[in-house]
Amino acid sequence: MNCMSLEELQIYYLMLGRYYCEIYEGLLAKNYYQLSYDITTKLHLVDPLLLLSLAQYYTLSNDAFKAIDCTHEALHEFKRYYSMKYIIDCELLLCYQYIKQGLVSKAHPLLKQLANKLNHSDPYNQYLTLYHLYGHYYLALNDNQSAEKMYLEPTLNHQLSHNILLALIELYYQSSQSSKLTELLSYLVKQRHKSPQFYFIKYQYYYYF
């Protein structure tokens, strides 16, 4: 690291933050993001990827104000460079934040706009995340049937992701659909998942296994 410039060090700390965020080491992720942010401030830089990473971190840590603020900043910067992949990532994250905060009236038009965009071109498989968010949206409206349909739609052509699994398990648990919950958990055991999320699921729903 002694041979790195400050610009290179800023990117290095950002990548470390993203890595630790992916493996659910929140404190380490936060520390590296802060180091990266301190350098961008010192050099008067604007790094939209850092802003998006911070938004994702604040979303996971339930800091709604900072999450939405960072997402808007990142979205503004990505639009300046026409970075469509990251623009859509920001808009998807905003939808999630609005739904989580109960602002479904704000989420709905953005969801429709994203559906139109991704229906025409989806090179990064972002439509999977959109289905997931539509599931959350219908769940917020207490429409369990539509929520389940949205969660299950991507599984017709793709393997169940951890996010979808968690959403379905929570839906079946909250709506007292014990047979579906037990069936899904049995499927999980057969798949021999080794991820941290799987052990979290086993801890939370152990009496259904």
N, C-alpha and C. Protein backbone atom coordinates (compact mmCIF):
# COMPACT_ATOMS: atom_id res chain seq x y z
N MET A 1 0.82 -1.21 0.00
CA MET A 1 0.00 0.00 0.00
C MET A 1 0.85 1.26 0.00
N ASN A 2 2.15 1.13 0.39
CA ASN A 2 3.02 2.29 0.40
C ASN A 2 3.25 2.83 -1.01
N CYS A 3 3.05 1.97 -2.02
CA CYS A 3 3.29 2.38 -3.40
C CYS A 3 2.04 2.95 -4.07
N MET A 4 0.93 2.95 -3.38
CA MET A 4 -0.32 3.42 -3.97
C MET A 4 -0.45 4.92 -3.87
N SER A 5 -1.06 5.51 -4.90
CA SER A 5 -1.45 6.91 -4.81
C SER A 5 -2.72 6.99 -3.96
N LEU A 6 -3.10 8.20 -3.55
CA LEU A 6 -4.32 8.37 -2.78
C LEU A 6 -5.54 7.92 -3.59
N GLU A 7 -5.53 8.21 -4.89
CA GLU A 7 -6.65 7.79 -5.75
C GLU A 7 -6.79 6.27 -5.78
N GLU A 8 -5.64 5.59 -5.89
CA GLU A 8 -5.67 4.12 -5.90
C GLU A 8 -6.09 3.57 -4.54
N LEU A 9 -5.64 4.23 -3.48
CA LEU A 9 -6.00 3.79 -2.13
C LEU A 9 -7.50 3.95 -1.88
N GLN A 10 -8.05 5.03 -2.42
CA GLN A 10 -9.49 5.26 -2.27
C GLN A 10 -10.29 4.12 -2.90
N ILE A 11 -9.89 3.70 -4.10
CA ILE A 11 -10.58 2.60 -4.78
C ILE A 11 -10.35 1.29 -4.04
N TYR A 12 -9.13 1.09 -3.53
CA TYR A 12 -8.81 -0.13 -2.79
C TYR A 12 -9.69 -0.26 -1.55
N TYR A 13 -9.83 0.83 -0.79
CA TYR A 13 -10.68 0.80 0.40
C TYR A 13 -12.14 0.56 0.03
N LEU A 14 -12.57 1.16 -1.08
CA LEU A 14 -13.95 0.96 -1.54
C LEU A 14 -14.20 -0.52 -1.85
N MET A 15 -13.27 -1.15 -2.57
CA MET A 15 -13.43 -2.56 -2.93
C MET A 15 -13.43 -3.46 -1.68
N LEU A 16 -12.58 -3.12 -0.71
CA LEU A 16 -12.58 -3.87 0.55
C LEU A 16 -13.92 -3.72 1.26
N GLY A 17 -14.45 -2.50 1.25
CA GLY A 17 -15.77 -2.27 1.88
C GLY A 17 -16.85 -3.11 1.22
N ARG A 18 -16.84 -3.14 -0.12
CA ARG A 18 -17.84 -3.93 -0.85
C ARG A 18 -17.69 -5.42 -0.55
N TYR A 19 -16.43 -5.87 -0.46
CA TYR A 19 -16.17 -7.28 -0.15
C TYR A 19 -16.75 -7.66 1.21
N TYR A 20 -16.44 -6.84 2.23
CA TYR A 20 -16.90 -7.18 3.57
C TYR A 20 -18.43 -7.02 3.71
N CYS A 21 -19.00 -6.13 2.92
CA CYS A 21 -20.46 -6.00 2.92
C CYS A 21 -21.10 -7.27 2.35
N GLU A 22 -20.47 -7.86 1.31
CA GLU A 22 -20.99 -9.07 0.68
C GLU A 22 -20.96 -10.25 1.64
N ILE A 23 -19.99 -10.29 2.54
CA ILE A 23 -19.91 -11.42 3.47
C ILE A 23 -20.47 -11.06 4.85
N TYR A 24 -21.25 -9.97 4.90
CA TYR A 24 -22.00 -9.58 6.10
C TYR A 24 -21.10 -9.23 7.27
N GLU A 25 -19.97 -8.61 6.97
CA GLU A 25 -19.10 -8.06 8.03
C GLU A 25 -19.33 -6.55 8.04
N GLY A 26 -20.44 -6.14 8.65
CA GLY A 26 -20.89 -4.76 8.56
C GLY A 26 -19.92 -3.74 9.12
N LEU A 27 -19.31 -4.03 10.27
CA LEU A 27 -18.42 -3.05 10.89
C LEU A 27 -17.18 -2.82 10.05
N LEU A 28 -16.61 -3.91 9.51
CA LEU A 28 -15.44 -3.77 8.64
C LEU A 28 -15.81 -3.02 7.37
N ALA A 29 -16.96 -3.34 6.79
CA ALA A 29 -17.42 -2.64 5.59
C ALA A 29 -17.54 -1.15 5.86
N LYS A 30 -18.17 -0.81 6.97
CA LYS A 30 -18.36 0.61 7.32
C LYS A 30 -17.01 1.32 7.47
N ASN A 31 -16.06 0.67 8.15
CA ASN A 31 -14.75 1.30 8.38
C ASN A 31 -14.02 1.57 7.06
N TYR A 32 -14.06 0.61 6.14
CA TYR A 32 -13.38 0.81 4.86
C TYR A 32 -14.10 1.83 3.98
N TYR A 33 -15.42 1.83 4.03
CA TYR A 33 -16.17 2.86 3.30
C TYR A 33 -15.81 4.24 3.83
N GLN A 34 -15.67 4.34 5.16
CA GLN A 34 -15.35 5.63 5.76
C GLN A 34 -13.96 6.09 5.34
N LEU A 35 -13.00 5.17 5.29
CA LEU A 35 -11.65 5.51 4.83
C LEU A 35 -11.69 5.99 3.38
N SER A 36 -12.44 5.28 2.55
CA SER A 36 -12.58 5.67 1.14
C SER A 36 -13.23 7.04 1.03
N TYR A 37 -14.26 7.27 1.84
CA TYR A 37 -14.99 8.54 1.80
C TYR A 37 -14.09 9.69 2.27
N ASP A 38 -13.27 9.43 3.29
CA ASP A 38 -12.36 10.46 3.80
C ASP A 38 -11.38 10.91 2.71
N ILE A 39 -10.90 9.96 1.92
CA ILE A 39 -9.97 10.31 0.84
C ILE A 39 -10.67 11.10 -0.26
N THR A 40 -11.90 10.69 -0.62
CA THR A 40 -12.63 11.45 -1.65
C THR A 40 -12.87 12.88 -1.20
N THR A 41 -13.14 13.06 0.09
CA THR A 41 -13.35 14.41 0.63
C THR A 41 -12.06 15.21 0.58
N LYS A 42 -10.96 14.55 0.96
CA LYS A 42 -9.65 15.22 0.97
C LYS A 42 -9.24 15.66 -0.43
N LEU A 43 -9.55 14.81 -1.43
CA LEU A 43 -9.16 15.10 -2.82
C LEU A 43 -10.24 15.83 -3.60
N HIS A 44 -11.35 16.15 -2.93
CA HIS A 44 -12.49 16.82 -3.58
C HIS A 44 -13.00 16.01 -4.77
N LEU A 45 -13.09 14.69 -4.58
CA LEU A 45 -13.61 13.80 -5.61
C LEU A 45 -15.08 13.50 -5.36
N VAL A 46 -15.76 13.05 -6.41
CA VAL A 46 -17.11 12.51 -6.27
C VAL A 46 -17.08 11.11 -6.87
N ASP A 47 -17.33 10.11 -6.03
CA ASP A 47 -17.29 8.72 -6.49
C ASP A 47 -18.70 8.13 -6.36
N PRO A 48 -19.46 8.07 -7.48
CA PRO A 48 -20.83 7.58 -7.39
C PRO A 48 -20.93 6.12 -6.95
N LEU A 49 -19.90 5.30 -7.27
CA LEU A 49 -19.93 3.90 -6.84
C LEU A 49 -19.79 3.81 -5.32
N LEU A 50 -18.98 4.69 -4.75
CA LEU A 50 -18.87 4.75 -3.29
C LEU A 50 -20.20 5.18 -2.68
N LEU A 51 -20.85 6.18 -3.29
CA LEU A 51 -22.15 6.65 -2.79
C LEU A 51 -23.20 5.53 -2.85
N LEU A 52 -23.19 4.76 -3.95
CA LEU A 52 -24.12 3.64 -4.07
C LEU A 52 -23.81 2.57 -3.03
N SER A 53 -22.53 2.30 -2.82
CA SER A 53 -22.12 1.30 -1.82
C SER A 53 -22.55 1.74 -0.42
N LEU A 54 -22.36 3.01 -0.12
CA LEU A 54 -22.81 3.54 1.18
C LEU A 54 -24.33 3.43 1.31
N ALA A 55 -25.04 3.73 0.22
CA ALA A 55 -26.51 3.62 0.24
C ALA A 55 -26.94 2.19 0.55
N GLN A 56 -26.25 1.22 -0.08
CA GLN A 56 -26.57 -0.20 0.17
C GLN A 56 -26.26 -0.57 1.62
N TYR A 57 -25.15 -0.06 2.14
CA TYR A 57 -24.79 -0.33 3.53
C TYR A 57 -25.82 0.27 4.49
N TYR A 58 -26.17 1.54 4.27
CA TYR A 58 -27.14 2.19 5.15
C TYR A 58 -28.52 1.53 5.06
N THR A 59 -28.85 1.00 3.88
CA THR A 59 -30.12 0.27 3.73
C THR A 59 -30.11 -0.97 4.61
N LEU A 60 -29.01 -1.72 4.57
CA LEU A 60 -28.90 -2.93 5.38
C LEU A 60 -28.90 -2.61 6.88
N SER A 61 -28.35 -1.45 7.24
CA SER A 61 -28.28 -1.09 8.66
C SER A 61 -29.47 -0.24 9.11
N ASN A 62 -30.50 -0.18 8.24
CA ASN A 62 -31.78 0.49 8.58
C ASN A 62 -31.63 1.97 8.90
N ASP A 63 -30.71 2.64 8.23
CA ASP A 63 -30.56 4.09 8.37
C ASP A 63 -31.20 4.73 7.14
N ALA A 64 -32.52 4.88 7.18
CA ALA A 64 -33.30 5.27 5.99
C ALA A 64 -32.88 6.62 5.43
N PHE A 65 -32.68 7.61 6.30
CA PHE A 65 -32.38 8.96 5.83
C PHE A 65 -31.07 8.98 5.04
N LYS A 66 -30.01 8.39 5.60
CA LYS A 66 -28.72 8.37 4.92
C LYS A 66 -28.79 7.51 3.64
N ALA A 67 -29.55 6.41 3.71
CA ALA A 67 -29.66 5.51 2.55
C ALA A 67 -30.28 6.24 1.36
N ILE A 68 -31.40 6.90 1.59
CA ILE A 68 -32.10 7.59 0.51
C ILE A 68 -31.27 8.77 0.00
N ASP A 69 -30.64 9.48 0.91
CA ASP A 69 -29.82 10.63 0.53
C ASP A 69 -28.64 10.20 -0.35
N CYS A 70 -27.94 9.14 0.05
CA CYS A 70 -26.80 8.65 -0.74
C CYS A 70 -27.26 8.10 -2.09
N THR A 71 -28.42 7.44 -2.11
CA THR A 71 -28.93 6.89 -3.38
C THR A 71 -29.24 8.00 -4.36
N HIS A 72 -29.88 9.07 -3.89
CA HIS A 72 -30.18 10.21 -4.77
C HIS A 72 -28.90 10.85 -5.30
N GLU A 73 -27.90 10.98 -4.42
CA GLU A 73 -26.62 11.57 -4.86
C GLU A 73 -25.96 10.69 -5.92
N ALA A 74 -25.95 9.37 -5.67
CA ALA A 74 -25.34 8.44 -6.62
C ALA A 74 -26.08 8.46 -7.95
N LEU A 75 -27.41 8.49 -7.89
CA LEU A 75 -28.23 8.50 -9.10
C LEU A 75 -27.94 9.74 -9.93
N HIS A 76 -27.83 10.88 -9.26
CA HIS A 76 -27.52 12.13 -9.96
C HIS A 76 -26.18 12.03 -10.69
N GLU A 77 -25.17 11.47 -10.03
CA GLU A 77 -23.85 11.37 -10.64
C GLU A 77 -23.83 10.36 -11.80
N PHE A 78 -24.49 9.22 -11.61
CA PHE A 78 -24.51 8.22 -12.68
C PHE A 78 -25.24 8.74 -13.91
N LYS A 79 -26.27 9.56 -13.72
CA LYS A 79 -27.00 10.13 -14.85
C LYS A 79 -26.11 11.07 -15.66
N ARG A 80 -25.17 11.71 -15.00
CA ARG A 80 -24.25 12.61 -15.71
C ARG A 80 -23.38 11.84 -16.70
N TYR A 81 -23.11 10.58 -16.39
CA TYR A 81 -22.23 9.76 -17.25
C TYR A 81 -23.01 8.71 -18.04
N TYR A 82 -24.33 8.77 -17.97
CA TYR A 82 -25.19 7.83 -18.69
C TYR A 82 -24.84 6.36 -18.37
N SER A 83 -24.56 6.12 -17.10
CA SER A 83 -24.21 4.76 -16.66
C SER A 83 -25.50 4.00 -16.36
N MET A 84 -26.09 3.41 -17.43
CA MET A 84 -27.44 2.86 -17.31
C MET A 84 -27.55 1.74 -16.29
N LYS A 85 -26.56 0.88 -16.23
CA LYS A 85 -26.61 -0.23 -15.28
C LYS A 85 -26.73 0.30 -13.86
N TYR A 86 -25.88 1.27 -13.52
CA TYR A 86 -25.88 1.81 -12.16
C TYR A 86 -27.08 2.73 -11.91
N ILE A 87 -27.56 3.40 -12.94
CA ILE A 87 -28.78 4.20 -12.80
C ILE A 87 -29.93 3.30 -12.37
N ILE A 88 -30.05 2.14 -13.03
CA ILE A 88 -31.13 1.21 -12.69
C ILE A 88 -30.90 0.61 -11.30
N ASP A 89 -29.64 0.32 -10.95
CA ASP A 89 -29.34 -0.16 -9.60
C ASP A 89 -29.82 0.84 -8.55
N CYS A 90 -29.56 2.12 -8.80
CA CYS A 90 -29.99 3.17 -7.86
C CYS A 90 -31.52 3.23 -7.78
N GLU A 91 -32.17 3.15 -8.92
CA GLU A 91 -33.63 3.23 -8.93
C GLU A 91 -34.26 2.02 -8.25
N LEU A 92 -33.68 0.86 -8.44
CA LEU A 92 -34.16 -0.35 -7.75
C LEU A 92 -33.99 -0.19 -6.24
N LEU A 93 -32.85 0.35 -5.84
CA LEU A 93 -32.58 0.55 -4.41
C LEU A 93 -33.55 1.58 -3.82
N LEU A 94 -33.85 2.63 -4.58
CA LEU A 94 -34.82 3.62 -4.12
C LEU A 94 -36.19 2.98 -3.91
N CYS A 95 -36.60 2.12 -4.85
CA CYS A 95 -37.88 1.41 -4.71
C CYS A 95 -37.91 0.62 -3.41
N TYR A 96 -36.82 -0.10 -3.16
CA TYR A 96 -36.74 -0.90 -1.93
C TYR A 96 -36.86 -0.01 -0.70
N GLN A 97 -36.15 1.12 -0.71
CA GLN A 97 -36.18 2.03 0.43
C GLN A 97 -37.57 2.61 0.63
N TYR A 98 -38.25 3.01 -0.46
CA TYR A 98 -39.60 3.55 -0.34
C TYR A 98 -40.57 2.52 0.23
N ILE A 99 -40.48 1.28 -0.27
CA ILE A 99 -41.38 0.22 0.21
C ILE A 99 -41.11 -0.06 1.68
N LYS A 100 -39.84 -0.13 2.04
CA LYS A 100 -39.46 -0.42 3.42
C LYS A 100 -39.97 0.66 4.38
N GLN A 101 -40.02 1.90 3.88
CA GLN A 101 -40.50 3.01 4.72
C GLN A 101 -42.02 3.20 4.63
N GLY A 102 -42.71 2.32 3.87
CA GLY A 102 -44.17 2.42 3.73
C GLY A 102 -44.61 3.47 2.74
N LEU A 103 -43.69 3.95 1.91
CA LEU A 103 -44.03 4.99 0.92
C LEU A 103 -44.37 4.33 -0.41
N VAL A 104 -45.41 3.48 -0.40
CA VAL A 104 -45.74 2.69 -1.60
C VAL A 104 -46.21 3.56 -2.76
N SER A 105 -46.80 4.72 -2.46
CA SER A 105 -47.25 5.61 -3.53
C SER A 105 -46.05 6.17 -4.31
N LYS A 106 -44.90 6.30 -3.65
CA LYS A 106 -43.69 6.74 -4.35
C LYS A 106 -43.05 5.59 -5.11
N ALA A 107 -43.17 4.39 -4.55
CA ALA A 107 -42.52 3.23 -5.17
C ALA A 107 -43.23 2.81 -6.46
N HIS A 108 -44.56 2.91 -6.51
CA HIS A 108 -45.32 2.34 -7.62
C HIS A 108 -44.94 2.93 -8.98
N PRO A 109 -44.92 4.27 -9.15
CA PRO A 109 -44.55 4.80 -10.48
C PRO A 109 -43.13 4.45 -10.89
N LEU A 110 -42.22 4.37 -9.92
CA LEU A 110 -40.84 4.01 -10.22
C LEU A 110 -40.74 2.55 -10.63
N LEU A 111 -41.52 1.68 -10.00
CA LEU A 111 -41.57 0.27 -10.38
C LEU A 111 -42.06 0.11 -11.82
N LYS A 112 -43.12 0.86 -12.17
CA LYS A 112 -43.66 0.78 -13.53
C LYS A 112 -42.64 1.28 -14.55
N GLN A 113 -41.96 2.35 -14.21
CA GLN A 113 -40.93 2.91 -15.09
C GLN A 113 -39.80 1.91 -15.31
N LEU A 114 -39.39 1.23 -14.23
CA LEU A 114 -38.33 0.24 -14.32
C LEU A 114 -38.77 -0.98 -15.14
N ALA A 115 -40.04 -1.37 -14.98
CA ALA A 115 -40.57 -2.51 -15.74
C ALA A 115 -40.51 -2.21 -17.23
N ASN A 116 -40.84 -0.97 -17.61
CA ASN A 116 -40.78 -0.58 -19.03
C ASN A 116 -39.34 -0.62 -19.55
N LYS A 117 -38.41 -0.11 -18.73
CA LYS A 117 -37.00 -0.10 -19.14
C LYS A 117 -36.48 -1.52 -19.32
N LEU A 118 -36.70 -2.36 -18.31
CA LEU A 118 -36.09 -3.69 -18.30
C LEU A 118 -36.81 -4.65 -19.23
N ASN A 119 -38.02 -4.30 -19.64
CA ASN A 119 -38.74 -5.12 -20.61
C ASN A 119 -38.10 -5.01 -21.99
N HIS A 120 -37.45 -3.88 -22.24
CA HIS A 120 -36.81 -3.65 -23.54
C HIS A 120 -35.37 -4.17 -23.56
N SER A 121 -34.66 -4.00 -22.47
CA SER A 121 -33.26 -4.43 -22.42
C SER A 121 -32.86 -4.73 -20.98
N ASP A 122 -32.34 -5.94 -20.77
CA ASP A 122 -31.96 -6.34 -19.41
C ASP A 122 -30.66 -7.15 -19.43
N PRO A 123 -29.56 -6.52 -19.85
CA PRO A 123 -28.31 -7.28 -20.00
C PRO A 123 -27.70 -7.75 -18.68
N TYR A 124 -28.09 -7.13 -17.56
CA TYR A 124 -27.49 -7.48 -16.26
C TYR A 124 -28.46 -8.25 -15.35
N ASN A 125 -29.53 -8.79 -15.94
CA ASN A 125 -30.51 -9.57 -15.17
C ASN A 125 -31.09 -8.80 -13.97
N GLN A 126 -31.32 -7.52 -14.17
CA GLN A 126 -31.88 -6.71 -13.10
C GLN A 126 -33.38 -6.95 -12.93
N TYR A 127 -33.99 -7.60 -13.95
CA TYR A 127 -35.42 -7.90 -13.86
C TYR A 127 -35.71 -8.82 -12.67
N LEU A 128 -34.74 -9.66 -12.29
CA LEU A 128 -34.92 -10.55 -11.14
C LEU A 128 -35.13 -9.73 -9.87
N THR A 129 -34.35 -8.67 -9.72
CA THR A 129 -34.50 -7.79 -8.56
C THR A 129 -35.84 -7.07 -8.61
N LEU A 130 -36.27 -6.70 -9.82
CA LEU A 130 -37.55 -6.02 -9.97
C LEU A 130 -38.71 -6.91 -9.52
N TYR A 131 -38.70 -8.17 -9.90
CA TYR A 131 -39.73 -9.11 -9.42
C TYR A 131 -39.74 -9.18 -7.90
N HIS A 132 -38.53 -9.24 -7.34
CA HIS A 132 -38.39 -9.29 -5.88
C HIS A 132 -39.04 -8.06 -5.23
N LEU A 133 -38.78 -6.89 -5.81
CA LEU A 133 -39.34 -5.65 -5.28
C LEU A 133 -40.86 -5.59 -5.46
N TYR A 134 -41.34 -6.09 -6.60
CA TYR A 134 -42.79 -6.15 -6.79
C TYR A 134 -43.43 -7.05 -5.74
N GLY A 135 -42.74 -8.12 -5.37
CA GLY A 135 -43.23 -8.97 -4.28
C GLY A 135 -43.35 -8.19 -2.99
N HIS A 136 -42.30 -7.42 -2.65
CA HIS A 136 -42.34 -6.58 -1.45
C HIS A 136 -43.48 -5.55 -1.52
N TYR A 137 -43.65 -4.99 -2.73
CA TYR A 137 -44.69 -3.98 -2.93
C TYR A 137 -46.08 -4.55 -2.63
N TYR A 138 -46.37 -5.72 -3.20
CA TYR A 138 -47.69 -6.33 -2.96
C TYR A 138 -47.84 -6.78 -1.51
N LEU A 139 -46.74 -7.18 -0.91
CA LEU A 139 -46.79 -7.56 0.50
C LEU A 139 -47.15 -6.36 1.36
N ALA A 140 -46.61 -5.19 1.00
CA ALA A 140 -46.94 -3.96 1.73
C ALA A 140 -48.41 -3.60 1.57
N LEU A 141 -49.02 -4.05 0.46
CA LEU A 141 -50.46 -3.81 0.23
C LEU A 141 -51.32 -4.94 0.78
N ASN A 142 -50.68 -5.88 1.51
CA ASN A 142 -51.37 -7.04 2.09
C ASN A 142 -52.00 -7.94 1.03
N ASP A 143 -51.40 -7.97 -0.15
CA ASP A 143 -51.87 -8.86 -1.23
C ASP A 143 -50.88 -10.03 -1.31
N ASN A 144 -51.06 -11.00 -0.42
CA ASN A 144 -50.12 -12.12 -0.31
C ASN A 144 -50.05 -12.96 -1.57
N GLN A 145 -51.19 -13.13 -2.24
CA GLN A 145 -51.22 -13.98 -3.43
C GLN A 145 -50.37 -13.37 -4.55
N SER A 146 -50.53 -12.06 -4.78
CA SER A 146 -49.73 -11.40 -5.81
C SER A 146 -48.26 -11.35 -5.42
N ALA A 147 -48.00 -11.17 -4.12
CA ALA A 147 -46.61 -11.15 -3.65
C ALA A 147 -45.94 -12.49 -3.92
N GLU A 148 -46.63 -13.59 -3.60
CA GLU A 148 -46.06 -14.92 -3.84
C GLU A 148 -45.81 -15.13 -5.33
N LYS A 149 -46.74 -14.69 -6.16
CA LYS A 149 -46.58 -14.85 -7.61
C LYS A 149 -45.34 -14.11 -8.10
N MET A 150 -45.11 -12.90 -7.62
CA MET A 150 -43.94 -12.12 -8.03
C MET A 150 -42.65 -12.77 -7.54
N TYR A 151 -42.65 -13.26 -6.29
CA TYR A 151 -41.46 -13.91 -5.76
C TYR A 151 -41.10 -15.17 -6.55
N LEU A 152 -42.13 -15.91 -6.98
CA LEU A 152 -41.91 -17.18 -7.65
C LEU A 152 -41.63 -17.04 -9.15
N GLU A 153 -42.03 -15.93 -9.74
CA GLU A 153 -41.91 -15.76 -11.19
C GLU A 153 -40.48 -16.02 -11.70
N PRO A 154 -39.45 -15.45 -11.06
CA PRO A 154 -38.08 -15.66 -11.59
C PRO A 154 -37.61 -17.11 -11.46
N THR A 155 -38.23 -17.88 -10.57
CA THR A 155 -37.76 -19.25 -10.35
C THR A 155 -38.13 -20.18 -11.49
N LEU A 156 -38.96 -19.72 -12.43
CA LEU A 156 -39.31 -20.55 -13.57
C LEU A 156 -38.10 -20.83 -14.45
N ASN A 157 -37.19 -19.85 -14.52
CA ASN A 157 -36.00 -20.00 -15.37
C ASN A 157 -34.68 -19.87 -14.60
N HIS A 158 -34.77 -19.55 -13.31
CA HIS A 158 -33.56 -19.34 -12.53
C HIS A 158 -33.67 -20.08 -11.20
N GLN A 159 -32.53 -20.39 -10.62
CA GLN A 159 -32.52 -21.01 -9.30
C GLN A 159 -32.97 -19.99 -8.26
N LEU A 160 -33.56 -20.48 -7.18
CA LEU A 160 -34.00 -19.59 -6.11
C LEU A 160 -32.79 -18.88 -5.51
N SER A 161 -32.83 -17.55 -5.50
CA SER A 161 -31.77 -16.78 -4.85
C SER A 161 -32.05 -16.72 -3.35
N HIS A 162 -31.03 -16.34 -2.59
CA HIS A 162 -31.22 -16.25 -1.13
C HIS A 162 -32.26 -15.20 -0.78
N ASN A 163 -32.25 -14.08 -1.50
CA ASN A 163 -33.22 -13.03 -1.21
C ASN A 163 -34.64 -13.50 -1.44
N ILE A 164 -34.85 -14.23 -2.54
CA ILE A 164 -36.18 -14.76 -2.83
C ILE A 164 -36.59 -15.79 -1.78
N LEU A 165 -35.64 -16.66 -1.39
CA LEU A 165 -35.92 -17.67 -0.38
C LEU A 165 -36.36 -17.02 0.93
N LEU A 166 -35.60 -16.02 1.36
CA LEU A 166 -35.93 -15.34 2.61
C LEU A 166 -37.30 -14.67 2.53
N ALA A 167 -37.59 -14.05 1.37
CA ALA A 167 -38.88 -13.37 1.20
C ALA A 167 -40.04 -14.37 1.24
N LEU A 168 -39.87 -15.52 0.56
CA LEU A 168 -40.92 -16.54 0.55
C LEU A 168 -41.12 -17.15 1.93
N ILE A 169 -40.02 -17.43 2.61
CA ILE A 169 -40.11 -18.01 3.95
C ILE A 169 -40.85 -17.06 4.89
N GLU A 170 -40.50 -15.78 4.82
CA GLU A 170 -41.16 -14.78 5.67
C GLU A 170 -42.64 -14.66 5.31
N LEU A 171 -42.95 -14.70 4.01
CA LEU A 171 -44.34 -14.61 3.57
C LEU A 171 -45.15 -15.80 4.09
N TYR A 172 -44.63 -17.00 3.92
CA TYR A 172 -45.35 -18.20 4.37
C TYR A 172 -45.49 -18.22 5.89
N TYR A 173 -44.45 -17.72 6.58
CA TYR A 173 -44.50 -17.69 8.05
C TYR A 173 -45.54 -16.69 8.54
N GLN A 174 -45.50 -15.47 7.99
CA GLN A 174 -46.42 -14.42 8.43
C GLN A 174 -47.87 -14.73 8.07
N SER A 175 -48.08 -15.46 6.96
CA SER A 175 -49.45 -15.78 6.54
C SER A 175 -49.89 -17.17 7.02
N SER A 176 -49.08 -17.77 7.93
CA SER A 176 -49.41 -19.06 8.56
C SER A 176 -49.64 -20.18 7.54
N GLN A 177 -48.86 -20.17 6.45
CA GLN A 177 -48.93 -21.25 5.46
C GLN A 177 -47.86 -22.29 5.81
N SER A 178 -48.13 -23.04 6.87
CA SER A 178 -47.14 -23.94 7.44
C SER A 178 -46.68 -25.02 6.47
N SER A 179 -47.61 -25.58 5.67
CA SER A 179 -47.24 -26.66 4.76
C SER A 179 -46.25 -26.16 3.69
N LYS A 180 -46.51 -24.96 3.14
CA LYS A 180 -45.60 -24.40 2.14
C LYS A 180 -44.25 -24.04 2.77
N LEU A 181 -44.29 -23.54 3.99
CA LEU A 181 -43.06 -23.18 4.69
C LEU A 181 -42.21 -24.42 4.93
N THR A 182 -42.83 -25.49 5.41
CA THR A 182 -42.10 -26.73 5.68
C THR A 182 -41.53 -27.31 4.39
N GLU A 183 -42.32 -27.25 3.31
CA GLU A 183 -41.86 -27.77 2.02
C GLU A 183 -40.65 -27.00 1.51
N LEU A 184 -40.68 -25.68 1.65
CA LEU A 184 -39.57 -24.85 1.18
C LEU A 184 -38.32 -25.08 2.02
N LEU A 185 -38.49 -25.23 3.32
CA LEU A 185 -37.34 -25.48 4.19
C LEU A 185 -36.74 -26.86 3.93
N SER A 186 -37.59 -27.83 3.62
CA SER A 186 -37.10 -29.17 3.26
C SER A 186 -36.28 -29.12 1.99
N TYR A 187 -36.75 -28.30 1.04
CA TYR A 187 -35.99 -28.10 -0.21
C TYR A 187 -34.61 -27.52 0.10
N LEU A 188 -34.56 -26.57 1.03
CA LEU A 188 -33.30 -25.94 1.40
C LEU A 188 -32.31 -26.95 1.97
N VAL A 189 -32.79 -27.83 2.82
CA VAL A 189 -31.92 -28.85 3.42
C VAL A 189 -31.31 -29.73 2.34
N LYS A 190 -32.11 -30.13 1.36
CA LYS A 190 -31.64 -31.01 0.28
C LYS A 190 -30.59 -30.32 -0.59
N GLN A 191 -30.67 -28.97 -0.68
CA GLN A 191 -29.71 -28.24 -1.53
C GLN A 191 -28.35 -28.07 -0.86
N ARG A 192 -28.28 -28.36 0.43
CA ARG A 192 -27.02 -28.28 1.18
C ARG A 192 -26.37 -26.90 1.09
N HIS A 193 -27.14 -25.87 1.31
CA HIS A 193 -26.61 -24.51 1.29
C HIS A 193 -25.61 -24.32 2.43
N LYS A 194 -24.54 -23.62 2.15
CA LYS A 194 -23.51 -23.37 3.16
C LYS A 194 -23.33 -21.88 3.45
N SER A 195 -24.21 -21.06 2.94
CA SER A 195 -24.05 -19.62 3.09
C SER A 195 -24.48 -19.16 4.48
N PRO A 196 -24.01 -17.95 4.90
CA PRO A 196 -24.43 -17.41 6.19
C PRO A 196 -25.95 -17.25 6.29
N GLN A 197 -26.61 -16.92 5.15
CA GLN A 197 -28.06 -16.73 5.17
C GLN A 197 -28.77 -18.03 5.55
N PHE A 198 -28.24 -19.16 5.07
CA PHE A 198 -28.89 -20.44 5.36
C PHE A 198 -28.86 -20.73 6.85
N TYR A 199 -27.74 -20.46 7.50
CA TYR A 199 -27.65 -20.71 8.93
C TYR A 199 -28.55 -19.75 9.71
N PHE A 200 -28.71 -18.56 9.19
CA PHE A 200 -29.65 -17.61 9.80
C PHE A 200 -31.08 -18.15 9.72
N ILE A 201 -31.43 -18.71 8.55
CA ILE A 201 -32.76 -19.29 8.35
C ILE A 201 -32.97 -20.46 9.31
N LYS A 202 -31.96 -21.33 9.44
CA LYS A 202 -32.07 -22.48 10.34
C LYS A 202 -32.27 -22.02 11.78
N TYR A 203 -31.58 -20.97 12.17
CA TYR A 203 -31.70 -20.45 13.53
C TYR A 203 -33.10 -19.88 13.77
N GLN A 204 -33.62 -19.15 12.78
CA GLN A 204 -34.89 -18.45 12.97
C GLN A 204 -36.10 -19.38 12.87
N TYR A 205 -35.98 -20.43 12.04
CA TYR A 205 -37.14 -21.29 11.79
C TYR A 205 -36.83 -22.76 12.10
N TYR A 206 -35.96 -22.99 13.07
CA TYR A 206 -35.48 -24.35 13.34
C TYR A 206 -36.61 -25.34 13.64
N TYR A 207 -37.70 -24.86 14.24
CA TYR A 207 -38.77 -25.78 14.64
C TYR A 207 -39.61 -26.25 13.45
N TYR A 208 -39.37 -25.67 12.25
CA TYR A 208 -40.08 -26.15 11.05
C TYR A 208 -39.24 -27.16 10.27
N PHE A 209 -37.96 -27.30 10.61
CA PHE A 209 -37.10 -28.20 9.85
C PHE A 209 -37.39 -29.66 10.21
